[in-house]
Amino acid sequence: MAEEGWGLNPLGVAVYPKAHVLNRFLSKFVDLLIVAAVGMVVSPVGWLGGLAYVLIADGFSGGQSLGKRLIGLQTVVPRAQTASGFKESIIRNLPLAAAYLLFPVPYLGWAVAAAIAGFEALLIIGNDRGLRLGDEIAHTQVLDAGQLDLRD
């Protein structure tokens, strides 16, 4: 099914065009609103609920967090041509979870969390496939929903 891809890399794996950057940022903004709402509504354990959502959000049905589902994106594993599961979601979101864990620490935590988020955002913008550090580690990619004919 590599012929469905945009092209082939030197290893013969299909390369798919990246999802629109604005759509990626909008879907993450929606997810962050959900994390903030969970933290406020379900206090005092809401903070842990927010952390759990940050980690597993991309493992929901079809590799779509609630934000990705709303915007029309999905996280896939291109090599296997499957939607990402909870394992890939946890691995790819470890950098963002680290930022979430550090954010409650005044000043230094805020700066480090902003640096992590900024670095991830720059990678999304600058990488030709839109891969951030978490995607590189988990071997995932965010695509427009339906762009890849996924195996069941």
Protein backbone atom coordinates (compact mmCIF):
# COMPACT_ATOMS: atom_id res chain seq x y z
CA MET A 1 0.00 0.00 0.00
CA ALA A 2 3.02 2.25 -0.27
CA GLU A 3 1.67 3.57 -3.55
CA GLU A 4 -0.96 5.49 -1.56
CA GLY A 5 1.77 7.57 0.07
CA TRP A 6 3.20 10.84 -1.10
CA GLY A 7 6.45 9.09 -1.96
CA LEU A 8 8.94 6.59 -0.60
CA ASN A 9 11.87 7.22 1.69
CA PRO A 10 15.17 5.36 1.17
CA LEU A 11 13.91 2.47 3.32
CA GLY A 12 10.89 1.97 1.06
CA VAL A 13 8.41 3.21 3.66
CA ALA A 14 5.62 5.45 2.39
CA VAL A 15 6.01 9.14 3.21
CA TYR A 16 2.80 11.08 3.74
CA PRO A 17 2.39 14.87 3.60
CA LYS A 18 2.02 16.57 6.95
CA ALA A 19 -1.29 17.81 8.26
CA HIS A 20 -1.88 21.55 8.15
CA VAL A 21 0.07 23.21 10.96
CA LEU A 22 -2.82 25.48 11.95
CA ASN A 23 -5.11 22.45 12.30
CA ARG A 24 -2.53 20.76 14.54
CA PHE A 25 -2.31 23.79 16.80
CA LEU A 26 -6.10 24.18 16.92
CA SER A 27 -6.59 20.54 17.89
CA LYS A 28 -3.95 20.81 20.62
CA PHE A 29 -5.62 23.99 21.90
CA VAL A 30 -8.94 22.12 22.20
CA ASP A 31 -7.15 19.30 24.05
CA LEU A 32 -5.52 21.81 26.42
CA LEU A 33 -8.94 23.32 27.15
CA ILE A 34 -10.15 19.83 28.06
CA VAL A 35 -7.14 19.30 30.34
CA ALA A 36 -7.77 22.66 32.05
CA ALA A 37 -11.46 21.89 32.49
CA VAL A 38 -10.74 18.48 33.99
CA GLY A 39 -8.27 20.10 36.37
CA MET A 40 -10.84 22.64 37.54
CA VAL A 41 -13.92 20.45 37.73
CA VAL A 42 -12.50 17.33 39.33
CA SER A 43 -10.28 18.95 41.95
CA PRO A 44 -8.07 17.74 43.69
CA VAL A 45 -7.51 14.69 41.49
CA GLY A 46 -8.23 16.65 38.32
CA TRP A 47 -4.56 17.42 37.85
CA LEU A 48 -3.84 13.69 37.56
CA GLY A 49 -6.82 13.30 35.23
CA GLY A 50 -5.36 16.04 33.04
CA LEU A 51 -1.99 14.27 33.00
CA ALA A 52 -3.69 11.01 32.04
CA TYR A 53 -5.53 12.75 29.20
CA VAL A 54 -2.30 14.35 27.95
CA LEU A 55 -0.70 10.91 27.78
CA ILE A 56 -3.50 8.74 26.33
CA ALA A 57 -5.54 11.19 24.24
CA ASP A 58 -4.14 10.08 20.86
CA GLY A 59 -4.89 6.44 21.64
CA PHE A 60 -8.66 6.84 21.47
CA SER A 61 -10.58 5.31 18.56
CA GLY A 62 -8.98 6.05 15.21
CA GLY A 63 -5.89 7.64 16.77
CA GLN A 64 -7.88 10.78 17.54
CA SER A 65 -7.95 12.85 20.69
CA LEU A 66 -11.13 14.87 21.14
CA GLY A 67 -9.38 17.88 19.59
CA LYS A 68 -8.15 15.87 16.60
CA ARG A 69 -11.61 14.37 16.10
CA LEU A 70 -13.17 17.85 16.12
CA ILE A 71 -10.61 19.32 13.70
CA GLY A 72 -10.33 16.25 11.43
CA LEU A 73 -6.87 14.89 12.19
CA GLN A 74 -5.59 11.51 13.30
CA THR A 75 -2.38 10.02 14.62
CA VAL A 76 -1.14 7.03 12.66
CA VAL A 77 1.77 4.60 12.60
CA PRO A 78 2.77 4.85 8.91
CA ARG A 79 4.97 1.73 8.89
CA ALA A 80 2.13 -0.46 10.13
CA GLN A 81 -0.60 1.61 8.43
CA THR A 82 -2.66 1.59 11.62
CA ALA A 83 -4.10 4.24 13.88
CA SER A 84 -2.02 4.89 16.96
CA GLY A 85 -3.03 3.08 20.11
CA PHE A 86 -2.54 3.90 23.77
CA LYS A 87 1.07 2.67 23.71
CA GLU A 88 2.06 5.01 20.88
CA SER A 89 0.06 7.83 22.43
CA ILE A 90 1.87 7.55 25.75
CA ILE A 91 5.27 7.40 24.07
CA ARG A 92 4.62 10.32 21.68
CA ASN A 93 3.20 12.53 24.43
CA LEU A 94 6.00 12.03 26.98
CA PRO A 95 7.61 15.42 26.17
CA LEU A 96 4.28 17.20 26.65
CA ALA A 97 3.63 15.26 29.86
CA ALA A 98 7.03 16.42 31.13
CA ALA A 99 6.02 20.02 30.41
CA TYR A 100 2.70 19.43 32.20
CA LEU A 101 4.52 18.01 35.24
CA LEU A 102 6.95 20.94 35.38
CA PHE A 103 4.40 23.70 34.84
CA PRO A 104 3.22 23.92 38.48
CA VAL A 105 6.75 24.91 39.57
CA PRO A 106 6.89 28.73 39.54
CA TYR A 107 9.30 30.48 37.18
CA LEU A 108 11.77 27.69 36.39
CA GLY A 109 9.01 25.16 35.71
CA TRP A 110 7.14 27.67 33.57
CA ALA A 111 10.28 28.43 31.57
CA VAL A 112 11.16 24.77 31.00
CA ALA A 113 7.57 23.88 30.11
CA ALA A 114 7.45 26.77 27.63
CA ALA A 115 10.78 25.67 26.15
CA ILE A 116 9.52 22.11 25.66
CA ALA A 117 6.26 23.27 24.09
CA GLY A 118 8.07 25.81 21.91
CA PHE A 119 10.60 23.23 20.73
CA GLU A 120 7.83 20.78 19.83
CA ALA A 121 5.96 23.55 17.96
CA LEU A 122 9.07 24.52 16.00
CA LEU A 123 9.59 20.90 14.99
CA ILE A 124 6.00 20.66 13.74
CA ILE A 125 6.49 23.79 11.65
CA GLY A 126 9.98 23.01 10.37
CA ASN A 127 9.84 19.27 9.72
CA ASP A 128 8.75 18.33 6.20
CA ARG A 129 6.42 15.64 7.60
CA GLY A 130 5.37 17.65 10.65
CA LEU A 131 7.05 15.28 13.08
CA ARG A 132 7.77 16.52 16.56
CA LEU A 133 10.13 14.82 19.00
CA GLY A 134 7.34 12.62 20.36
CA ASP A 135 6.46 11.47 16.82
CA GLU A 136 10.08 10.58 16.11
CA ILE A 137 10.32 8.51 19.29
CA ALA A 138 6.97 6.71 18.79
CA HIS A 139 7.29 6.40 14.97
CA THR A 140 3.95 8.16 14.47
CA GLN A 141 2.68 10.94 12.24
CA VAL A 142 -0.35 13.22 12.36
CA LEU A 143 -2.33 13.23 9.12
CA ASP A 144 -5.61 14.63 7.93
CA ALA A 145 -8.27 12.06 8.86
CA GLY A 146 -8.87 9.49 6.13
CA GLN A 147 -5.63 10.26 4.29
CA LEU A 148 -4.23 6.81 5.01
CA ASP A 149 -6.25 3.68 4.33
CA LEU A 150 -5.79 2.04 7.73
CA ARG A 151 -5.68 -1.68 8.36
CA ASP A 152 -8.25 -2.99 10.80
